[in-house]
Every structure is written in structure tokens, then in C-alpha cells.
Protein backbone atom coordinates (compact mmCIF):
# COMPACT_ATOMS: atom_id res chain seq x y z
CA UNK A 1 0.00 0.00 0.00
CA UNK A 2 1.26 3.50 -0.77
CA UNK A 3 1.95 5.95 1.98
CA UNK A 4 1.48 9.72 2.03
CA UNK A 5 5.26 10.08 1.62
CA UNK A 6 5.06 8.60 -1.91
CA UNK A 7 5.19 10.95 -4.94
CA UNK A 8 1.51 10.29 -5.66
CA UNK A 9 0.80 12.07 -2.36
CA UNK A 10 2.65 15.38 -2.74
CA UNK A 11 3.04 17.49 0.40
CA UNK A 12 -0.17 19.41 0.90
CA UNK A 13 -2.16 17.27 -1.57
CA UNK A 14 -5.06 17.17 0.87
CA UNK A 15 -4.92 20.79 1.94
CA UNK A 16 -2.58 23.22 3.67
CA UNK A 17 -2.56 21.33 7.00
CA UNK A 18 -1.64 17.91 5.64
CA UNK A 19 -0.63 15.95 8.75
CA UNK A 20 0.63 13.08 6.61
CA UNK A 21 -1.95 10.62 7.93
CA UNK A 22 -2.98 7.66 5.81
CA UNK A 23 -5.79 8.43 3.37
CA UNK A 24 -9.20 6.81 3.51
CA UNK A 25 -9.38 4.68 0.36
CA UNK A 26 -12.61 4.68 -1.63
CA UNK A 27 -13.79 3.90 -5.14
CA UNK A 28 -16.74 4.61 -7.37
CA UNK A 29 -18.06 4.87 -10.88
CA UNK A 30 -19.43 7.47 -13.21
CA UNK A 31 -22.39 5.32 -14.20
CA UNK A 32 -23.94 5.90 -17.60
CA UNK A 33 -26.53 4.44 -19.96
CA UNK A 34 -28.21 5.15 -23.26
CA UNK A 35 -31.75 6.51 -22.94
CA UNK A 36 -34.44 4.06 -24.01
CA UNK A 37 -36.07 6.92 -25.92
CA UNK A 38 -33.63 8.32 -28.44
CA UNK A 39 -30.42 6.68 -27.27
CA UNK A 40 -28.88 9.83 -25.78
CA UNK A 41 -26.30 9.46 -23.01
CA UNK A 42 -27.48 9.72 -19.39
CA UNK A 43 -25.35 9.90 -16.25
CA UNK A 44 -26.56 8.51 -12.92
CA UNK A 45 -26.31 10.69 -9.82
CA UNK A 46 -27.15 9.59 -6.29
CA UNK A 47 -28.65 11.73 -3.52
CA UNK A 48 -27.26 11.03 -0.06
CA UNK A 49 -29.67 12.29 2.60
CA UNK A 50 -26.97 12.22 5.31
CA UNK A 51 -25.09 14.96 3.42
CA UNK A 52 -28.00 16.28 1.33
CA UNK A 53 -25.79 16.16 -1.74
CA UNK A 54 -25.71 14.79 -5.28
CA UNK A 55 -22.69 12.73 -6.25
CA UNK A 56 -21.47 9.74 -8.22
CA UNK A 57 -21.91 6.33 -6.56
CA UNK A 58 -18.85 5.68 -4.41
CA UNK A 59 -17.80 4.39 -1.03
CA UNK A 60 -15.01 3.25 1.24
CA UNK A 61 -13.13 0.11 0.34
CA UNK A 62 -13.27 -2.88 2.65
CA UNK A 63 -9.92 -3.97 4.10
CA UNK A 64 -7.92 -5.65 1.30
CA UNK A 65 -10.64 -5.07 -1.32
CA UNK A 66 -9.59 -4.41 -4.90
CA UNK A 67 -10.52 -0.84 -5.91
CA UNK A 68 -12.45 -1.80 -9.05
CA UNK A 69 -14.34 -4.56 -7.21
CA UNK A 70 -15.20 -2.03 -4.51
CA UNK A 71 -16.37 0.52 -7.08
CA UNK A 72 -18.69 -2.03 -8.70
CA UNK A 73 -19.97 -3.17 -5.28
CA UNK A 74 -20.79 0.43 -4.37
CA UNK A 75 -22.70 0.94 -7.63
CA UNK A 76 -24.90 -2.07 -6.86
CA UNK A 77 -25.38 -1.05 -3.21
CA UNK A 78 -26.22 2.57 -3.97
CA UNK A 79 -28.11 2.33 -7.27
CA UNK A 80 -29.34 -1.25 -7.59
CA UNK A 81 -27.71 -1.57 -11.03
CA UNK A 82 -24.93 -3.87 -12.10
CA UNK A 83 -22.22 -2.17 -14.15
CA UNK A 84 -19.74 -2.99 -16.89
CA UNK A 85 -16.50 -1.14 -16.14
CA UNK A 86 -14.71 0.90 -18.77
CA UNK A 87 -11.80 3.29 -18.61
CA UNK A 88 -10.31 4.33 -15.31
CA UNK A 89 -11.01 8.03 -14.72
CA UNK A 90 -9.00 10.53 -12.67
CA UNK A 91 -8.49 9.79 -8.99
CA UNK A 92 -9.77 12.49 -6.64
CA UNK A 93 -7.80 13.43 -3.51
CA UNK A 94 -9.29 15.72 -0.89
CA UNK A 95 -9.96 16.06 2.82
CA UNK A 96 -13.21 14.72 4.29
CA UNK A 97 -14.05 15.17 7.96
CA UNK A 98 -10.46 16.20 8.63
CA UNK A 99 -8.85 13.17 7.00
CA UNK A 100 -7.29 12.74 3.58
CA UNK A 101 -9.43 10.74 1.18
CA UNK A 102 -8.50 9.14 -2.13
CA UNK A 103 -11.28 8.02 -4.47
CA UNK A 104 -10.52 6.04 -7.63
CA UNK A 105 -13.19 6.18 -10.35
CA UNK A 106 -14.11 4.23 -13.44
CA UNK A 107 -16.51 4.88 -16.29
CA UNK A 108 -19.15 2.16 -16.10
CA UNK A 109 -22.12 1.32 -18.29
CA UNK A 110 -25.25 0.43 -16.35
CA UNK A 111 -26.47 -3.12 -16.69
CA UNK A 112 -29.52 -4.84 -15.25
CA UNK A 113 -31.18 -3.68 -12.09
CA UNK A 114 -33.31 -0.98 -10.61
CA UNK A 115 -33.14 1.52 -7.79
CA UNK A 116 -34.68 0.90 -4.38
CA UNK A 117 -34.35 3.75 -1.84
CA UNK A 118 -32.19 2.89 1.17
CA UNK A 119 -30.58 4.59 4.19
CA UNK A 120 -27.50 5.70 2.21
CA UNK A 121 -29.20 6.83 -1.01
CA UNK A 122 -32.80 7.99 -1.18
CA UNK A 123 -32.93 9.08 -4.84
CA UNK A 124 -31.15 8.61 -8.15
CA UNK A 125 -31.37 10.75 -11.24
CA UNK A 126 -30.45 9.87 -14.82
CA UNK A 127 -29.50 13.12 -16.52
CA UNK A 128 -27.86 14.32 -19.73
CA UNK A 129 -24.16 15.05 -19.06
CA UNK A 130 -24.54 18.86 -18.92
CA UNK A 131 -27.44 18.61 -16.47
CA UNK A 132 -25.59 16.04 -14.35
CA UNK A 133 -22.56 18.31 -14.25
CA UNK A 134 -24.71 21.22 -13.05
CA UNK A 135 -26.53 19.10 -10.42
CA UNK A 136 -23.40 17.68 -8.77
CA UNK A 137 -22.85 19.30 -5.37
CA UNK A 138 -19.04 19.18 -5.32
CA UNK A 139 -17.21 21.01 -8.13
CA UNK A 140 -14.47 18.34 -8.07
CA UNK A 141 -17.06 15.75 -9.19
CA UNK A 142 -17.94 17.75 -12.31
CA UNK A 143 -14.59 17.07 -13.96
CA UNK A 144 -15.42 13.36 -13.83
CA UNK A 145 -18.35 13.91 -16.20
CA UNK A 146 -15.93 15.55 -18.64
CA UNK A 147 -13.50 12.64 -18.20
CA UNK A 148 -16.33 10.17 -18.89
CA UNK A 149 -17.23 11.98 -22.10
CA UNK A 150 -13.60 11.99 -23.23
CA UNK A 151 -13.20 8.28 -22.45
CA UNK A 152 -16.32 7.44 -24.49
CA UNK A 153 -15.09 9.54 -27.42
CA UNK A 154 -11.75 7.72 -27.32
CA UNK A 155 -13.31 4.25 -27.12
């Protein structure tokens, strides 16, 4: 496992008061599908009532869990959909509740399933990319929509 002293964790990567503590590792997906009416691209966003925010499905990795496996597990848990992973997207590094957090993301096409509200996620929205970008609560999450679009153009 990497430590905050590694080059991928430059001094201050998590903010000006980087204490050098080990980051919380998480993973998620920018989940997408083609609309049944017209075939246009839609991006899935989840609403987390605990934070009252809109984000991409993601969550903390279990001890020893592979990041991609964790990302796909989180998609199922939060959205009810299976997913077919695509390109790895940029990793986000930031501070959450005073601790450094590192979230790896993948583009993922939605498979079978359906949403059922739960304690973690009470709503999902399928939106065109521009609308999804505007709805996301955290500005850092918006760049992931752009990265998804670029990965799909390159595929």
C-alpha cells in the first residue's frame, strides 16, 4: 500500500494542514446508460440524505478489497444496477471530515437492475451530461463527467 510520503501524495495534496496521515481509500463509478427513448447518453447521480448532496456512486473500500471490485460493489449497493466497467477516470484526492481521502473512479455502463431507496441513497437521477454536471454538489465531481465523455469519445 502506498503511503502519504510517496510521490503520488505530494506534500499538501489534501490541503494546507496535511498531517501526513494515511488516506481513507474509496472507489466509485461514473455510471452511464443510453436513454431508451432516443439513445442519448445519461449519467446517474445519487442523492445522499446524510449529506443532502448529489454525487457519483462511491464508497469506502473494505480492508484488502480491490478498488475496481469495490467501485462495482458500491454501484450495486447505492443504485441497484450492475455495471460494466470501462476506462479508469482521474483519482480524486481531498480532505473529508479532517482526513485525507483518495477516491478512484471508473466509467461504467449500467447493466440490469433498478433503484430501491435505502438509508444511504434515497434518490437517483439519470441526466444528460450537462445537467448532471450542473446538479453535482461538489465542483471536483464535475470534472469526472468531462472525463467520462472523453473516455467514451476515445473508445
